[in-house]
Amino acid sequence: MDHRYIDEHSVAERYVENALTLEERTAFETHLVDCPECTDRVLLAGMFHARTENRYPASIFQKALLQPLPLRARIAASLKPWQLLVILAIAALLLLAIPTLLVPLWQVLWR
């Protein structure tokens, strides 16, 4: 990868935004090892990107909306706090009740 290609295709900016293909990313990272000029470009692009996100926080939320949440995060987000408390209380009661239910069953099975 050469500087002309990096300039024409805004590779440093796309690298910071994680928008490169795997091949481009690999080639650019290989190039970065020996090129302090491109390392500086990446640092500048990163600082600009961070400053822009601080100035326009809506872009952070837009990016977050594009990524799907894990199942437990979606469930937790959809529950009200009191519903979560009820579920945890039921789970605790079940954990306490299991030994008292298993002891008689154990005694019946081993007689």
Protein backbone atom coordinates (compact mmCIF):
# COMPACT_ATOMS: atom_id res chain seq x y z
CA MET A 1 0.00 0.00 0.00
CA ASP A 2 1.43 3.39 -0.97
CA HIS A 3 0.70 6.94 0.14
CA ARG A 4 -1.11 7.81 -3.07
CA TYR A 5 -3.65 5.04 -2.51
CA ILE A 6 -3.94 5.97 1.17
CA ASP A 7 -4.68 9.61 0.28
CA GLU A 8 -7.09 8.87 -2.58
CA HIS A 9 -9.14 6.39 -0.58
CA SER A 10 -8.97 8.10 2.85
CA VAL A 11 -7.57 4.91 4.33
CA ALA A 12 -6.41 6.46 7.63
CA GLU A 13 -9.87 7.92 8.32
CA ARG A 14 -11.61 4.70 7.31
CA TYR A 15 -9.17 2.76 9.50
CA VAL A 16 -10.16 4.83 12.54
CA GLU A 17 -13.85 4.36 11.72
CA ASN A 18 -13.30 0.60 11.32
CA ALA A 19 -14.63 0.77 7.76
CA LEU A 20 -11.84 -1.02 5.88
CA THR A 21 -12.13 -4.45 4.35
CA LEU A 22 -10.03 -7.17 5.93
CA GLU A 23 -7.51 -7.04 3.06
CA GLU A 24 -7.19 -3.23 3.24
CA ARG A 25 -6.87 -3.35 7.02
CA THR A 26 -4.13 -5.97 6.90
CA ALA A 27 -2.20 -4.11 4.19
CA PHE A 28 -2.54 -0.78 6.01
CA GLU A 29 -1.45 -2.22 9.35
CA THR A 30 1.57 -3.78 7.65
CA HIS A 31 2.36 -0.37 6.14
CA LEU A 32 1.89 1.37 9.51
CA VAL A 33 4.67 -0.63 11.12
CA ASP A 34 7.32 1.12 9.00
CA CYS A 35 5.68 4.48 8.28
CA PRO A 36 5.65 7.17 10.99
CA GLU A 37 3.86 9.57 8.61
CA CYS A 38 0.84 7.28 8.33
CA THR A 39 0.96 6.60 12.06
CA ASP A 40 0.62 10.34 12.56
CA ARG A 41 -2.28 10.40 10.08
CA VAL A 42 -4.08 7.72 12.08
CA LEU A 43 -3.49 9.61 15.34
CA LEU A 44 -4.80 12.84 13.78
CA ALA A 45 -7.81 11.08 12.32
CA GLY A 46 -8.50 9.49 15.70
CA MET A 47 -8.32 12.84 17.49
CA PHE A 48 -10.57 14.46 14.89
CA HIS A 49 -13.00 11.56 15.11
CA ALA A 50 -13.12 11.79 18.93
CA ARG A 51 -13.60 15.55 18.80
CA THR A 52 -16.40 15.26 16.24
CA GLU A 53 -18.18 12.62 18.32
CA ASN A 54 -17.94 14.85 21.39
CA ARG A 55 -19.37 17.74 19.43
CA TYR A 56 -22.13 15.68 17.82
CA PRO A 57 -23.08 12.96 20.29
CA ALA A 58 -26.00 11.83 18.16
CA SER A 59 -23.53 10.03 15.91
CA ILE A 60 -22.51 7.85 18.87
CA PHE A 61 -26.11 6.81 19.39
CA GLN A 62 -26.62 6.16 15.69
CA LYS A 63 -23.64 3.79 15.69
CA ALA A 64 -24.92 2.07 18.82
CA LEU A 65 -28.32 1.54 17.22
CA LEU A 66 -26.73 -0.16 14.23
CA GLN A 67 -25.17 -2.85 16.42
CA PRO A 68 -27.58 -5.45 17.78
CA LEU A 69 -27.62 -5.83 21.55
CA PRO A 70 -27.01 -9.22 23.18
CA LEU A 71 -30.16 -11.08 24.21
CA ARG A 72 -29.74 -10.50 27.95
CA ALA A 73 -29.24 -6.75 27.35
CA ARG A 74 -32.43 -6.61 25.27
CA ILE A 75 -34.35 -8.48 27.97
CA ALA A 76 -32.98 -6.27 30.74
CA ALA A 77 -33.79 -3.14 28.75
CA SER A 78 -37.38 -4.26 28.19
CA LEU A 79 -38.05 -5.03 31.89
CA LYS A 80 -39.04 -2.49 34.47
CA PRO A 81 -36.99 -2.54 37.70
CA TRP A 82 -39.82 -4.03 39.75
CA GLN A 83 -40.26 -6.83 37.19
CA LEU A 84 -36.59 -7.67 37.41
CA LEU A 85 -36.84 -7.69 41.22
CA VAL A 86 -39.79 -10.11 41.11
CA ILE A 87 -37.89 -12.44 38.77
CA LEU A 88 -34.85 -12.41 41.04
CA ALA A 89 -37.01 -13.05 44.12
CA ILE A 90 -38.68 -16.05 42.45
CA ALA A 91 -35.29 -17.40 41.41
CA ALA A 92 -34.01 -17.05 44.99
CA LEU A 93 -37.07 -18.84 46.38
CA LEU A 94 -36.61 -21.67 43.90
CA LEU A 95 -32.96 -22.03 44.87
CA LEU A 96 -33.97 -22.23 48.53
CA ALA A 97 -36.79 -24.69 47.82
CA ILE A 98 -34.78 -27.15 45.74
CA PRO A 99 -32.89 -28.76 48.67
CA THR A 100 -36.08 -29.17 50.71
CA LEU A 101 -37.75 -30.87 47.76
CA LEU A 102 -34.80 -33.09 46.91
CA VAL A 103 -34.21 -34.51 50.40
CA PRO A 104 -37.59 -36.32 50.59
CA LEU A 105 -37.20 -37.46 46.99
CA TRP A 106 -33.72 -38.78 47.78
CA GLN A 107 -35.02 -40.67 50.81
CA VAL A 108 -37.84 -42.25 48.77
CA LEU A 109 -35.55 -43.34 45.97
CA TRP A 110 -32.91 -44.91 48.19
CA ARG A 111 -35.23 -46.99 50.42
